[in-house]
N, C-alpha and C. Protein backbone atom coordinates (compact mmCIF):
# COMPACT_ATOMS: atom_id res chain seq x y z
N MET A 1 -5.31 -90.01 -50.06
CA MET A 1 -4.82 -91.08 -51.13
C MET A 1 -6.03 -91.68 -51.67
N SER A 2 -6.08 -91.70 -52.86
CA SER A 2 -7.26 -92.43 -53.60
C SER A 2 -6.74 -93.88 -54.04
N VAL A 3 -7.49 -94.71 -53.87
CA VAL A 3 -7.14 -96.00 -54.52
C VAL A 3 -8.13 -96.43 -56.03
N VAL A 4 -7.07 -96.54 -56.91
CA VAL A 4 -7.71 -97.02 -58.21
C VAL A 4 -7.87 -98.42 -58.61
N THR A 5 -9.07 -98.87 -58.81
CA THR A 5 -9.51 -100.15 -59.07
C THR A 5 -9.76 -100.69 -60.32
N ALA A 6 -9.35 -101.86 -60.84
CA ALA A 6 -9.79 -102.14 -62.14
C ALA A 6 -11.48 -102.33 -62.41
N SER A 7 -11.98 -101.69 -63.00
CA SER A 7 -13.39 -101.89 -63.56
C SER A 7 -13.59 -103.29 -64.19
N ALA A 8 -15.05 -103.79 -63.56
CA ALA A 8 -15.20 -105.01 -64.40
C ALA A 8 -15.28 -104.92 -65.82
N PRO A 9 -15.36 -105.91 -66.89
CA PRO A 9 -15.43 -105.76 -68.15
C PRO A 9 -17.11 -105.58 -68.40
N SER A 10 -17.27 -104.73 -69.35
CA SER A 10 -18.55 -104.29 -69.85
C SER A 10 -19.00 -104.87 -71.05
N GLU A 11 -20.06 -104.79 -71.30
CA GLU A 11 -20.49 -105.21 -72.74
C GLU A 11 -19.93 -104.60 -73.99
N THR A 12 -19.76 -103.48 -73.66
CA THR A 12 -18.90 -102.72 -74.79
C THR A 12 -17.54 -102.62 -74.75
N ASP A 13 -17.03 -103.18 -74.07
CA ASP A 13 -15.49 -103.50 -74.05
C ASP A 13 -15.26 -104.32 -75.44
N LEU A 14 -14.12 -104.25 -75.76
CA LEU A 14 -13.44 -105.03 -77.13
C LEU A 14 -11.92 -105.27 -76.85
N ALA A 15 -11.76 -106.45 -77.50
CA ALA A 15 -10.42 -106.98 -76.92
C ALA A 15 -9.70 -107.09 -78.29
N ILE A 16 -8.53 -106.88 -78.56
CA ILE A 16 -7.58 -107.22 -79.58
C ILE A 16 -6.94 -108.41 -79.36
N VAL A 17 -7.34 -109.41 -79.92
CA VAL A 17 -6.86 -110.96 -79.70
C VAL A 17 -5.62 -111.43 -80.71
N GLY A 18 -5.42 -110.51 -81.55
CA GLY A 18 -4.49 -111.15 -82.70
C GLY A 18 -4.06 -110.09 -83.42
N MET A 19 -2.72 -109.97 -83.76
CA MET A 19 -2.41 -108.95 -84.76
C MET A 19 -1.33 -109.53 -85.91
N ALA A 20 -1.17 -108.91 -87.09
CA ALA A 20 -0.25 -109.53 -87.91
C ALA A 20 0.09 -108.38 -88.83
N ALA A 21 1.33 -108.24 -89.48
CA ALA A 21 1.81 -107.32 -90.45
C ALA A 21 2.88 -107.74 -91.11
N HIS A 22 2.78 -107.23 -92.14
CA HIS A 22 4.07 -107.32 -93.32
C HIS A 22 4.25 -105.73 -93.63
N LEU A 23 5.55 -105.26 -92.96
CA LEU A 23 6.22 -104.01 -93.17
C LEU A 23 7.44 -103.90 -93.87
N PRO A 24 8.11 -102.82 -94.38
CA PRO A 24 9.37 -102.51 -94.92
C PRO A 24 10.30 -102.97 -93.54
N GLY A 25 11.14 -103.82 -93.53
CA GLY A 25 12.05 -104.18 -92.82
C GLY A 25 11.58 -105.00 -91.48
N ALA A 26 10.23 -105.40 -91.66
CA ALA A 26 9.74 -106.27 -90.56
C ALA A 26 8.54 -107.22 -91.35
N GLY A 27 8.68 -108.49 -91.32
CA GLY A 27 7.74 -109.25 -91.92
C GLY A 27 6.96 -109.85 -90.78
N SER A 28 6.93 -109.27 -89.81
CA SER A 28 5.93 -109.75 -88.55
C SER A 28 6.09 -108.72 -87.54
N ILE A 29 4.76 -108.84 -86.59
CA ILE A 29 4.75 -107.96 -85.42
C ILE A 29 6.27 -108.08 -84.73
N GLY A 30 6.67 -109.19 -84.39
CA GLY A 30 7.43 -109.17 -83.59
C GLY A 30 9.01 -108.62 -84.13
N ALA A 31 8.92 -108.60 -85.70
CA ALA A 31 10.26 -107.76 -85.76
C ALA A 31 9.93 -106.44 -86.03
N TYR A 32 8.70 -106.02 -86.19
CA TYR A 32 8.61 -104.64 -86.13
C TYR A 32 8.71 -104.10 -84.59
N TRP A 33 8.49 -104.72 -83.76
CA TRP A 33 8.63 -104.30 -82.27
C TRP A 33 10.10 -104.23 -82.08
N HIS A 34 10.97 -105.42 -82.55
CA HIS A 34 12.06 -105.34 -82.37
C HIS A 34 12.82 -104.23 -83.06
N ASN A 35 12.43 -103.53 -84.04
CA ASN A 35 12.94 -102.52 -85.00
C ASN A 35 12.63 -101.27 -84.10
N LEU A 36 11.35 -101.15 -83.47
CA LEU A 36 11.06 -99.99 -82.60
C LEU A 36 12.06 -99.84 -81.18
N ARG A 37 12.09 -101.08 -80.89
CA ARG A 37 13.10 -100.83 -79.78
C ARG A 37 14.65 -100.59 -79.94
N ASN A 38 14.81 -101.10 -80.66
CA ASN A 38 16.30 -100.82 -81.08
C ASN A 38 16.47 -99.38 -82.39
N GLY A 39 15.58 -98.70 -82.36
CA GLY A 39 15.45 -97.66 -83.28
C GLY A 39 16.14 -98.00 -84.63
N LEU A 40 15.74 -99.06 -85.24
CA LEU A 40 16.22 -99.48 -86.49
C LEU A 40 14.98 -98.66 -87.49
N ARG A 41 15.75 -98.41 -88.61
CA ARG A 41 15.00 -97.74 -89.83
C ARG A 41 15.00 -98.62 -91.04
N ALA A 42 13.95 -98.59 -91.69
CA ALA A 42 13.48 -99.58 -92.73
C ALA A 42 13.69 -98.75 -94.19
N ILE A 43 14.09 -97.49 -93.81
CA ILE A 43 14.14 -96.89 -95.18
C ILE A 43 15.83 -96.89 -95.45
N ARG A 44 16.20 -97.14 -96.59
CA ARG A 44 17.68 -97.45 -96.95
C ARG A 44 17.91 -96.88 -98.56
N ARG A 45 18.93 -96.97 -98.84
CA ARG A 45 19.57 -96.55 -99.95
C ARG A 45 19.52 -97.56 -101.03
N LEU A 46 18.97 -97.34 -102.29
CA LEU A 46 18.83 -98.50 -103.46
C LEU A 46 20.06 -98.16 -104.23
N SER A 47 20.66 -99.31 -104.62
CA SER A 47 21.85 -99.43 -105.45
C SER A 47 21.38 -99.12 -106.84
N GLU A 48 22.54 -98.81 -107.74
CA GLU A 48 21.97 -98.67 -109.01
C GLU A 48 21.50 -99.52 -109.79
N ASP A 49 22.09 -100.80 -109.63
CA ASP A 49 21.78 -101.94 -109.87
C ASP A 49 20.28 -102.26 -109.77
N GLU A 50 19.94 -102.08 -108.36
CA GLU A 50 18.62 -102.28 -107.95
C GLU A 50 17.48 -101.21 -108.87
N LEU A 51 17.72 -100.12 -108.94
CA LEU A 51 17.05 -99.13 -109.66
C LEU A 51 16.72 -99.63 -110.92
N ILE A 52 17.83 -100.08 -111.58
CA ILE A 52 17.75 -100.35 -113.05
C ILE A 52 16.99 -101.33 -113.34
N ALA A 53 17.15 -102.41 -112.20
CA ALA A 53 16.22 -103.65 -112.47
C ALA A 53 14.86 -103.51 -111.94
N ALA A 54 14.34 -102.63 -111.28
CA ALA A 54 13.13 -102.17 -110.74
C ALA A 54 12.49 -101.21 -111.97
N GLY A 55 13.01 -101.06 -113.13
CA GLY A 55 12.71 -100.32 -114.36
C GLY A 55 12.75 -98.98 -114.26
N GLU A 56 13.67 -98.21 -113.34
CA GLU A 56 13.86 -96.67 -113.37
C GLU A 56 14.59 -96.09 -114.64
N ASP A 57 14.37 -94.98 -115.15
CA ASP A 57 15.04 -94.26 -116.00
C ASP A 57 16.50 -93.81 -115.77
N PRO A 58 17.27 -94.28 -116.35
CA PRO A 58 18.70 -93.70 -115.83
C PRO A 58 18.65 -92.24 -116.05
N ALA A 59 18.24 -91.49 -116.89
CA ALA A 59 18.47 -90.41 -116.85
C ALA A 59 17.62 -89.52 -115.82
N LEU A 60 16.82 -90.03 -115.28
CA LEU A 60 16.10 -89.41 -114.08
C LEU A 60 17.00 -89.82 -112.99
N MET A 61 17.86 -90.93 -112.82
CA MET A 61 18.80 -91.14 -111.75
C MET A 61 19.75 -90.24 -112.00
N ARG A 62 20.26 -89.76 -112.74
CA ARG A 62 21.59 -88.97 -112.77
C ARG A 62 20.68 -87.59 -112.44
N GLN A 63 19.68 -87.10 -112.53
CA GLN A 63 19.49 -85.61 -112.03
C GLN A 63 19.71 -85.53 -110.36
N ALA A 64 20.22 -84.19 -110.32
CA ALA A 64 20.65 -83.64 -108.97
C ALA A 64 19.69 -83.90 -107.70
N THR A 65 18.53 -83.55 -108.08
CA THR A 65 17.11 -83.67 -107.23
C THR A 65 16.89 -85.29 -106.76
N TYR A 66 17.61 -86.17 -107.49
CA TYR A 66 16.81 -87.64 -107.42
C TYR A 66 17.33 -88.18 -106.19
N VAL A 67 16.39 -88.87 -105.40
CA VAL A 67 16.67 -89.39 -104.04
C VAL A 67 16.55 -91.04 -104.23
N PRO A 68 17.38 -91.54 -104.33
CA PRO A 68 17.47 -92.98 -104.38
C PRO A 68 17.36 -93.88 -103.06
N PHE A 69 16.22 -93.59 -102.33
CA PHE A 69 15.72 -94.10 -101.32
C PHE A 69 14.39 -94.79 -101.20
N ALA A 70 14.49 -95.72 -100.42
CA ALA A 70 13.15 -96.25 -100.55
C ALA A 70 12.82 -97.43 -99.11
N ALA A 71 11.73 -97.67 -99.01
CA ALA A 71 11.33 -98.48 -97.73
C ALA A 71 10.66 -99.90 -98.49
N PRO A 72 11.53 -100.73 -98.91
CA PRO A 72 11.08 -101.71 -99.84
C PRO A 72 10.30 -102.63 -98.79
N LEU A 73 9.37 -103.48 -99.43
CA LEU A 73 8.64 -104.77 -98.58
C LEU A 73 9.37 -106.17 -99.03
N GLU A 74 9.81 -106.61 -98.15
CA GLU A 74 10.76 -107.89 -98.43
C GLU A 74 9.73 -109.08 -98.69
N LYS A 75 10.24 -109.73 -99.78
CA LYS A 75 9.51 -111.16 -100.18
C LYS A 75 7.90 -110.71 -100.64
N PHE A 76 7.74 -109.48 -101.11
CA PHE A 76 6.48 -109.06 -101.67
C PHE A 76 6.27 -110.12 -102.84
N ALA A 77 7.16 -110.85 -103.57
CA ALA A 77 6.86 -111.60 -104.59
C ALA A 77 6.62 -112.99 -104.43
N GLU A 78 6.85 -113.43 -103.03
CA GLU A 78 6.43 -114.78 -102.78
C GLU A 78 5.18 -114.94 -102.09
N PHE A 79 4.38 -116.33 -102.69
CA PHE A 79 3.07 -116.30 -102.30
C PHE A 79 2.81 -117.91 -102.50
N ASP A 80 2.23 -118.28 -101.22
CA ASP A 80 1.83 -119.80 -101.17
C ASP A 80 0.53 -120.01 -101.94
N ALA A 81 0.36 -120.01 -103.18
CA ALA A 81 -0.73 -120.13 -103.79
C ALA A 81 -1.38 -121.13 -103.59
N GLU A 82 -1.03 -122.49 -103.34
CA GLU A 82 -1.76 -123.84 -103.14
C GLU A 82 -2.42 -123.84 -101.85
N PHE A 83 -1.71 -123.02 -100.88
CA PHE A 83 -2.62 -123.04 -99.65
C PHE A 83 -3.63 -122.27 -99.78
N PHE A 84 -3.79 -121.38 -100.39
CA PHE A 84 -5.21 -120.47 -100.51
C PHE A 84 -5.75 -120.75 -101.64
N GLY A 85 -5.53 -121.99 -102.35
CA GLY A 85 -6.36 -122.59 -103.56
C GLY A 85 -6.32 -122.09 -104.65
N PHE A 86 -5.42 -121.29 -105.02
CA PHE A 86 -4.80 -120.56 -106.43
C PHE A 86 -4.18 -121.51 -107.20
N SER A 87 -4.47 -121.44 -108.55
CA SER A 87 -3.56 -122.16 -109.59
C SER A 87 -2.14 -121.20 -109.59
N PRO A 88 -0.95 -121.33 -110.23
CA PRO A 88 0.14 -120.68 -110.31
C PRO A 88 -0.36 -119.63 -111.35
N LYS A 89 -1.15 -119.86 -112.36
CA LYS A 89 -1.63 -118.64 -113.01
C LYS A 89 -2.51 -117.73 -112.49
N GLU A 90 -3.56 -118.05 -111.66
CA GLU A 90 -4.43 -117.44 -110.93
C GLU A 90 -3.42 -116.32 -109.86
N ALA A 91 -2.57 -116.90 -109.32
CA ALA A 91 -1.69 -116.20 -108.46
C ALA A 91 -1.10 -115.06 -108.98
N ALA A 92 -0.48 -115.31 -110.31
CA ALA A 92 0.29 -114.68 -110.90
C ALA A 92 -0.62 -113.28 -111.30
N ILE A 93 -1.82 -113.75 -111.51
CA ILE A 93 -2.81 -112.59 -112.24
C ILE A 93 -3.43 -111.85 -111.17
N LEU A 94 -3.34 -112.28 -109.81
CA LEU A 94 -3.73 -111.39 -108.49
C LEU A 94 -2.88 -110.34 -108.33
N ASP A 95 -3.23 -109.07 -107.64
CA ASP A 95 -2.94 -108.22 -107.17
C ASP A 95 -2.00 -108.47 -106.17
N PRO A 96 -0.78 -108.06 -105.92
CA PRO A 96 0.26 -108.09 -104.97
C PRO A 96 -0.37 -107.66 -103.62
N GLN A 97 -1.20 -106.68 -103.70
CA GLN A 97 -1.70 -106.28 -102.31
C GLN A 97 -3.03 -107.20 -102.02
N HIS A 98 -3.69 -107.68 -102.96
CA HIS A 98 -4.61 -108.87 -102.49
C HIS A 98 -3.86 -109.89 -102.02
N ARG A 99 -2.48 -110.53 -102.40
CA ARG A 99 -1.80 -111.51 -102.08
C ARG A 99 -1.51 -111.16 -100.35
N GLN A 100 -0.93 -109.89 -100.15
CA GLN A 100 -0.12 -109.79 -98.96
C GLN A 100 -1.69 -109.70 -98.08
N PHE A 101 -2.80 -109.31 -98.07
CA PHE A 101 -3.82 -109.22 -97.36
C PHE A 101 -4.33 -110.66 -97.14
N LEU A 102 -4.13 -111.43 -97.71
CA LEU A 102 -4.66 -112.85 -97.75
C LEU A 102 -3.65 -113.42 -96.80
N GLU A 103 -2.68 -113.08 -96.87
CA GLU A 103 -1.49 -113.82 -95.87
C GLU A 103 -1.56 -113.00 -94.53
N VAL A 104 -1.66 -111.73 -94.73
CA VAL A 104 -1.88 -111.23 -93.28
C VAL A 104 -3.10 -111.41 -92.75
N ALA A 105 -4.10 -111.68 -93.19
CA ALA A 105 -5.61 -112.02 -92.43
C ALA A 105 -5.27 -113.22 -91.75
N TRP A 106 -4.65 -114.21 -92.61
CA TRP A 106 -4.69 -115.54 -92.06
C TRP A 106 -3.79 -115.46 -90.90
N GLU A 107 -2.52 -114.73 -90.87
CA GLU A 107 -1.63 -114.45 -89.91
C GLU A 107 -2.21 -114.06 -88.63
N ALA A 108 -3.16 -113.19 -88.87
CA ALA A 108 -3.83 -112.61 -87.72
C ALA A 108 -4.67 -113.47 -87.21
N LEU A 109 -5.43 -114.22 -87.76
CA LEU A 109 -6.13 -115.13 -87.20
C LEU A 109 -5.59 -116.27 -86.65
N GLU A 110 -4.35 -116.72 -87.04
CA GLU A 110 -3.64 -117.51 -86.34
C GLU A 110 -3.04 -117.01 -85.09
N ASN A 111 -2.66 -115.77 -85.13
CA ASN A 111 -2.01 -115.12 -83.91
C ASN A 111 -3.22 -115.21 -82.65
N ALA A 112 -4.10 -114.86 -83.26
CA ALA A 112 -5.40 -114.97 -82.14
C ALA A 112 -5.71 -116.10 -81.53
N GLY A 113 -5.17 -117.13 -82.55
CA GLY A 113 -5.74 -118.66 -81.91
C GLY A 113 -6.97 -118.89 -82.23
N HIS A 114 -7.56 -118.39 -83.36
CA HIS A 114 -8.85 -118.57 -83.84
C HIS A 114 -8.89 -118.63 -85.27
N THR A 115 -8.45 -119.64 -85.91
CA THR A 115 -8.39 -120.00 -87.42
C THR A 115 -9.83 -120.37 -87.48
N PRO A 116 -10.35 -120.23 -88.87
CA PRO A 116 -11.74 -120.26 -89.12
C PRO A 116 -12.43 -121.71 -88.71
N GLU A 117 -11.73 -122.55 -89.21
CA GLU A 117 -12.30 -124.03 -88.75
C GLU A 117 -12.53 -124.23 -87.20
N GLY A 118 -11.59 -123.64 -86.51
CA GLY A 118 -11.79 -123.81 -85.04
C GLY A 118 -12.57 -122.83 -84.24
N PHE A 119 -13.39 -121.77 -85.01
CA PHE A 119 -14.04 -120.69 -84.23
C PHE A 119 -15.49 -120.76 -84.18
N ASN A 120 -16.20 -120.93 -83.38
CA ASN A 120 -17.60 -121.09 -83.45
C ASN A 120 -18.34 -119.89 -83.31
N GLY A 121 -18.32 -119.02 -84.43
CA GLY A 121 -18.84 -117.84 -84.45
C GLY A 121 -18.45 -117.32 -85.90
N ASN A 122 -19.16 -115.95 -86.07
CA ASN A 122 -19.08 -115.04 -87.25
C ASN A 122 -17.87 -114.23 -87.26
N ILE A 123 -17.20 -114.17 -88.37
CA ILE A 123 -16.06 -113.52 -88.56
C ILE A 123 -16.46 -112.73 -89.66
N GLY A 124 -15.98 -111.41 -89.26
CA GLY A 124 -16.47 -110.06 -90.24
C GLY A 124 -14.85 -109.55 -90.82
N VAL A 125 -15.00 -109.17 -92.03
CA VAL A 125 -13.88 -108.37 -92.66
C VAL A 125 -14.28 -107.21 -93.19
N TYR A 126 -13.45 -106.31 -92.58
CA TYR A 126 -13.60 -104.48 -92.93
C TYR A 126 -12.13 -104.32 -93.50
N ALA A 127 -12.05 -104.17 -94.41
CA ALA A 127 -10.77 -103.45 -95.08
C ALA A 127 -10.87 -102.44 -96.33
N GLY A 128 -9.61 -101.89 -97.04
CA GLY A 128 -9.89 -101.33 -97.94
C GLY A 128 -8.22 -101.22 -98.48
N CYS A 129 -7.95 -101.15 -99.70
CA CYS A 129 -6.63 -100.91 -100.36
C CYS A 129 -6.80 -99.76 -101.68
N GLY A 130 -5.73 -99.44 -102.10
CA GLY A 130 -5.52 -98.39 -103.11
C GLY A 130 -5.42 -99.00 -104.37
N MET A 131 -5.79 -98.05 -105.31
CA MET A 131 -5.46 -98.54 -106.81
C MET A 131 -4.47 -99.07 -107.07
N GLY A 132 -4.14 -100.16 -107.43
CA GLY A 132 -2.74 -100.45 -107.90
C GLY A 132 -2.28 -100.34 -109.32
N SER A 133 -1.21 -100.44 -109.53
CA SER A 133 -0.57 -100.22 -110.69
C SER A 133 -0.40 -101.64 -111.52
N TYR A 134 -0.29 -102.69 -110.44
CA TYR A 134 0.08 -103.90 -111.39
C TYR A 134 -0.78 -104.32 -112.38
N PHE A 135 -2.09 -104.06 -112.37
CA PHE A 135 -2.73 -104.43 -113.61
C PHE A 135 -2.58 -103.61 -114.77
N TYR A 136 -2.17 -102.46 -114.73
CA TYR A 136 -1.96 -101.74 -116.07
C TYR A 136 -0.60 -102.11 -116.39
N PHE A 137 0.32 -102.28 -115.40
CA PHE A 137 1.96 -102.34 -116.15
C PHE A 137 2.44 -103.80 -116.27
N ASN A 138 1.73 -104.67 -115.45
CA ASN A 138 2.12 -106.14 -115.49
C ASN A 138 1.12 -107.03 -116.29
N LEU A 139 -0.16 -106.87 -116.28
CA LEU A 139 -1.11 -107.31 -117.28
C LEU A 139 -1.65 -106.99 -118.48
N CYS A 140 -1.64 -105.94 -118.52
CA CYS A 140 -2.19 -105.46 -119.64
C CYS A 140 -1.44 -105.22 -120.86
N SER A 141 0.05 -105.36 -120.53
CA SER A 141 1.05 -105.24 -121.30
C SER A 141 1.36 -106.39 -121.91
N ASN A 142 0.61 -107.65 -121.30
CA ASN A 142 0.92 -109.00 -121.75
C ASN A 142 -0.29 -109.33 -122.55
N ARG A 143 -0.38 -109.28 -124.07
CA ARG A 143 -1.14 -109.52 -124.93
C ARG A 143 -1.92 -111.00 -124.80
N ASP A 144 -0.90 -111.90 -124.70
CA ASP A 144 -1.34 -113.17 -125.09
C ASP A 144 -2.56 -113.85 -123.53
N LEU A 145 -1.87 -112.99 -122.34
CA LEU A 145 -2.59 -113.11 -121.07
C LEU A 145 -4.03 -112.45 -121.49
N VAL A 146 -4.14 -111.52 -121.84
CA VAL A 146 -5.47 -110.55 -122.16
C VAL A 146 -6.33 -111.30 -123.05
N ARG A 147 -5.69 -111.86 -124.03
CA ARG A 147 -6.64 -112.87 -125.18
C ARG A 147 -7.09 -113.84 -124.22
N ASP A 148 -6.07 -114.79 -123.61
CA ASP A 148 -6.75 -115.98 -122.92
C ASP A 148 -7.68 -115.93 -122.09
N VAL A 149 -7.17 -115.10 -120.85
CA VAL A 149 -8.19 -114.79 -119.83
C VAL A 149 -9.27 -113.84 -119.98
N GLY A 150 -9.10 -112.89 -120.56
CA GLY A 150 -10.22 -111.58 -120.98
C GLY A 150 -10.01 -110.39 -119.79
N MET A 151 -10.20 -109.36 -120.54
CA MET A 151 -10.11 -108.00 -119.92
C MET A 151 -10.80 -108.05 -118.55
N PHE A 152 -12.25 -108.72 -118.46
CA PHE A 152 -12.99 -108.67 -117.37
C PHE A 152 -12.49 -109.50 -116.23
N LEU A 153 -12.22 -110.48 -116.55
CA LEU A 153 -11.48 -111.42 -115.20
C LEU A 153 -10.12 -110.89 -114.81
N LEU A 154 -9.29 -110.29 -115.69
CA LEU A 154 -8.21 -109.71 -115.17
C LEU A 154 -8.49 -108.52 -114.23
N ARG A 155 -9.30 -107.79 -114.93
CA ARG A 155 -9.49 -106.56 -113.90
C ARG A 155 -10.31 -106.71 -112.75
N HIS A 156 -11.47 -107.66 -112.63
CA HIS A 156 -12.53 -107.54 -111.94
C HIS A 156 -11.91 -108.45 -110.56
N THR A 157 -11.90 -110.06 -111.11
CA THR A 157 -11.75 -110.82 -110.13
C THR A 157 -10.41 -110.81 -109.45
N GLY A 158 -9.44 -110.62 -110.27
CA GLY A 158 -7.96 -110.71 -109.88
C GLY A 158 -7.23 -109.27 -109.24
N ASN A 159 -7.99 -107.98 -109.74
CA ASN A 159 -7.25 -106.93 -109.48
C ASN A 159 -8.07 -105.84 -108.71
N ASP A 160 -9.46 -105.67 -108.97
CA ASP A 160 -10.39 -104.63 -108.69
C ASP A 160 -10.23 -104.83 -106.91
N LYS A 161 -9.93 -103.25 -106.40
CA LYS A 161 -9.81 -103.48 -104.82
C LYS A 161 -11.27 -103.65 -104.19
N ASP A 162 -12.13 -103.64 -104.99
CA ASP A 162 -13.66 -103.82 -104.24
C ASP A 162 -13.89 -105.53 -103.81
N PHE A 163 -12.79 -106.11 -104.44
CA PHE A 163 -12.85 -107.73 -103.75
C PHE A 163 -11.87 -108.08 -102.73
N LEU A 164 -11.21 -106.85 -102.18
CA LEU A 164 -10.19 -107.16 -101.28
C LEU A 164 -10.93 -108.15 -99.84
N SER A 165 -11.87 -107.61 -99.44
CA SER A 165 -12.59 -108.21 -98.26
C SER A 165 -13.37 -109.39 -98.50
N THR A 166 -14.13 -109.16 -99.41
CA THR A 166 -14.91 -110.51 -100.09
C THR A 166 -14.03 -111.76 -100.17
N ARG A 167 -12.93 -111.36 -101.01
CA ARG A 167 -11.94 -112.73 -101.22
C ARG A 167 -11.57 -113.39 -100.27
N VAL A 168 -11.35 -112.81 -99.25
CA VAL A 168 -10.83 -113.18 -97.79
C VAL A 168 -11.93 -113.94 -97.37
N SER A 169 -12.93 -113.52 -96.93
CA SER A 169 -14.31 -114.13 -96.49
C SER A 169 -14.68 -115.44 -97.53
N HIS A 170 -14.41 -115.40 -98.93
CA HIS A 170 -14.95 -116.50 -99.53
C HIS A 170 -13.96 -117.46 -99.26
N ILE A 171 -12.63 -117.31 -99.41
CA ILE A 171 -11.49 -118.37 -99.56
C ILE A 171 -11.46 -118.86 -97.90
N PHE A 172 -11.80 -118.17 -97.05
CA PHE A 172 -11.51 -118.67 -95.47
C PHE A 172 -12.93 -119.08 -95.09
N ASP A 173 -14.15 -119.05 -96.01
CA ASP A 173 -15.38 -119.32 -95.70
C ASP A 173 -15.74 -118.83 -94.41
N LEU A 174 -15.55 -117.52 -94.18
CA LEU A 174 -16.12 -116.80 -93.06
C LEU A 174 -17.51 -116.14 -93.30
N ARG A 175 -18.38 -116.15 -92.29
CA ARG A 175 -19.90 -116.05 -92.25
C ARG A 175 -20.27 -114.60 -91.95
N GLY A 176 -19.47 -113.70 -91.08
CA GLY A 176 -19.64 -112.38 -90.85
C GLY A 176 -19.87 -111.22 -92.09
N PRO A 177 -19.88 -110.18 -91.95
CA PRO A 177 -20.19 -109.11 -92.64
C PRO A 177 -18.65 -108.94 -93.57
N SER A 178 -18.83 -108.84 -94.98
CA SER A 178 -17.64 -108.49 -95.68
C SER A 178 -17.62 -106.89 -96.35
N VAL A 179 -17.10 -105.95 -95.83
CA VAL A 179 -17.20 -104.90 -96.15
C VAL A 179 -15.72 -103.98 -96.90
N ASN A 180 -15.85 -103.59 -98.00
CA ASN A 180 -14.63 -102.74 -98.53
C ASN A 180 -14.95 -101.32 -98.14
N VAL A 181 -14.24 -100.82 -97.91
CA VAL A 181 -14.07 -99.48 -97.40
C VAL A 181 -13.25 -98.55 -98.10
N GLN A 182 -13.53 -97.67 -98.70
CA GLN A 182 -12.81 -96.65 -99.33
C GLN A 182 -13.10 -95.10 -98.93
N THR A 183 -11.98 -94.84 -98.10
CA THR A 183 -12.36 -93.13 -97.69
C THR A 183 -10.82 -92.45 -97.68
N ALA A 184 -10.09 -92.95 -98.96
CA ALA A 184 -8.91 -92.28 -99.06
C ALA A 184 -8.02 -92.68 -97.94
N CYS A 185 -7.26 -91.59 -97.30
CA CYS A 185 -6.51 -91.62 -96.30
C CYS A 185 -6.91 -92.42 -94.83
N SER A 186 -8.27 -92.17 -94.81
CA SER A 186 -8.92 -92.60 -93.43
C SER A 186 -9.42 -94.06 -93.36
N THR A 187 -9.28 -94.76 -94.87
CA THR A 187 -10.03 -95.89 -94.84
C THR A 187 -9.55 -96.98 -93.67
N SER A 188 -8.33 -97.25 -93.01
CA SER A 188 -8.17 -98.00 -91.78
C SER A 188 -8.63 -97.70 -90.76
N LEU A 189 -9.02 -96.21 -90.43
CA LEU A 189 -9.85 -95.70 -89.27
C LEU A 189 -11.12 -96.05 -89.35
N VAL A 190 -11.52 -95.80 -90.64
CA VAL A 190 -13.36 -95.93 -90.85
C VAL A 190 -13.18 -97.60 -90.89
N ALA A 191 -12.29 -98.27 -91.26
CA ALA A 191 -12.79 -99.92 -91.44
C ALA A 191 -12.58 -100.23 -89.86
N LEU A 192 -12.19 -99.57 -88.98
CA LEU A 192 -11.57 -100.38 -87.67
C LEU A 192 -13.21 -99.53 -87.01
N HIS A 193 -13.50 -98.63 -87.36
CA HIS A 193 -14.76 -98.08 -86.90
C HIS A 193 -15.98 -99.08 -87.04
N TYR A 194 -16.04 -99.07 -88.39
CA TYR A 194 -17.19 -100.33 -88.82
C TYR A 194 -17.24 -101.52 -88.02
N ALA A 195 -15.87 -102.21 -87.94
CA ALA A 195 -15.66 -103.19 -87.34
C ALA A 195 -16.01 -103.40 -85.85
N ALA A 196 -15.66 -102.47 -85.02
CA ALA A 196 -16.06 -102.21 -83.78
C ALA A 196 -17.55 -102.08 -83.54
N GLN A 197 -18.45 -101.28 -84.33
CA GLN A 197 -19.70 -101.12 -84.45
C GLN A 197 -20.34 -102.43 -84.55
N ALA A 198 -19.82 -103.18 -85.41
CA ALA A 198 -20.55 -104.69 -85.95
C ALA A 198 -20.41 -105.73 -84.96
N LEU A 199 -19.22 -105.49 -83.95
CA LEU A 199 -19.12 -106.31 -82.94
C LEU A 199 -19.93 -105.74 -81.75
N LEU A 200 -20.09 -104.76 -81.70
CA LEU A 200 -21.08 -103.97 -80.68
C LEU A 200 -22.59 -104.42 -80.76
N SER A 201 -22.82 -104.54 -82.10
CA SER A 201 -24.41 -104.57 -82.29
C SER A 201 -24.50 -106.33 -82.59
N GLY A 202 -23.61 -106.91 -82.65
CA GLY A 202 -23.85 -108.44 -82.70
C GLY A 202 -23.49 -109.10 -84.27
N GLU A 203 -23.25 -108.24 -85.05
CA GLU A 203 -23.46 -108.76 -86.66
C GLU A 203 -22.19 -109.84 -86.53
N CYS A 204 -21.16 -109.62 -85.89
CA CYS A 204 -20.06 -110.85 -86.00
C CYS A 204 -19.35 -110.83 -84.60
N ASP A 205 -18.84 -111.99 -84.60
CA ASP A 205 -18.34 -112.06 -83.22
C ASP A 205 -16.65 -111.90 -82.82
N MET A 206 -16.08 -111.88 -84.02
CA MET A 206 -14.70 -111.39 -84.26
C MET A 206 -14.70 -110.61 -85.52
N ALA A 207 -13.57 -109.95 -85.80
CA ALA A 207 -13.57 -109.17 -86.88
C ALA A 207 -12.11 -108.73 -87.26
N LEU A 208 -11.76 -108.96 -88.45
CA LEU A 208 -10.87 -108.62 -89.28
C LEU A 208 -10.48 -107.11 -89.60
């Protein structure tokens, strides 16, 4: 009979010290775990009123092949702009993906017990997002907004996917590397790989 003993931590060991998530049917890691344990599904049937309110074409809804199901993200329109230093107008311009990432990044740091002002080290950010439709359908159609703010600021500082990581680093005053990753469906995996490499090489002491 062999005895298995735990090995001592090595210099290449990495620890996951905090987590956060906003998911359909679960606004936190705790809620997500509850759903998994109880076999709860986040996909639900949307009512006709919900679909019309979301701008769906009634003619499309009447087609036999139409599937009125979705996994909507709750409270996606809610954002504590003041907490992150945004004016109401700036927050309205900001892509919802970026708003969500700011919130989840902060929640992950809180969950880890290492908010930026209390962490004596460099925190890196490695992340990516897809091309959003918010800019085209919600901002470009507002002629007054385009005229007042300008297309450059609307597109780049508020909605361009390349600002996802650097915006978090700037607002939270993080001093580690800030890298936007774009590798299509493998983005999250590649971001995790680069974050691990940065930790092992000493480029940062903690990574989002």
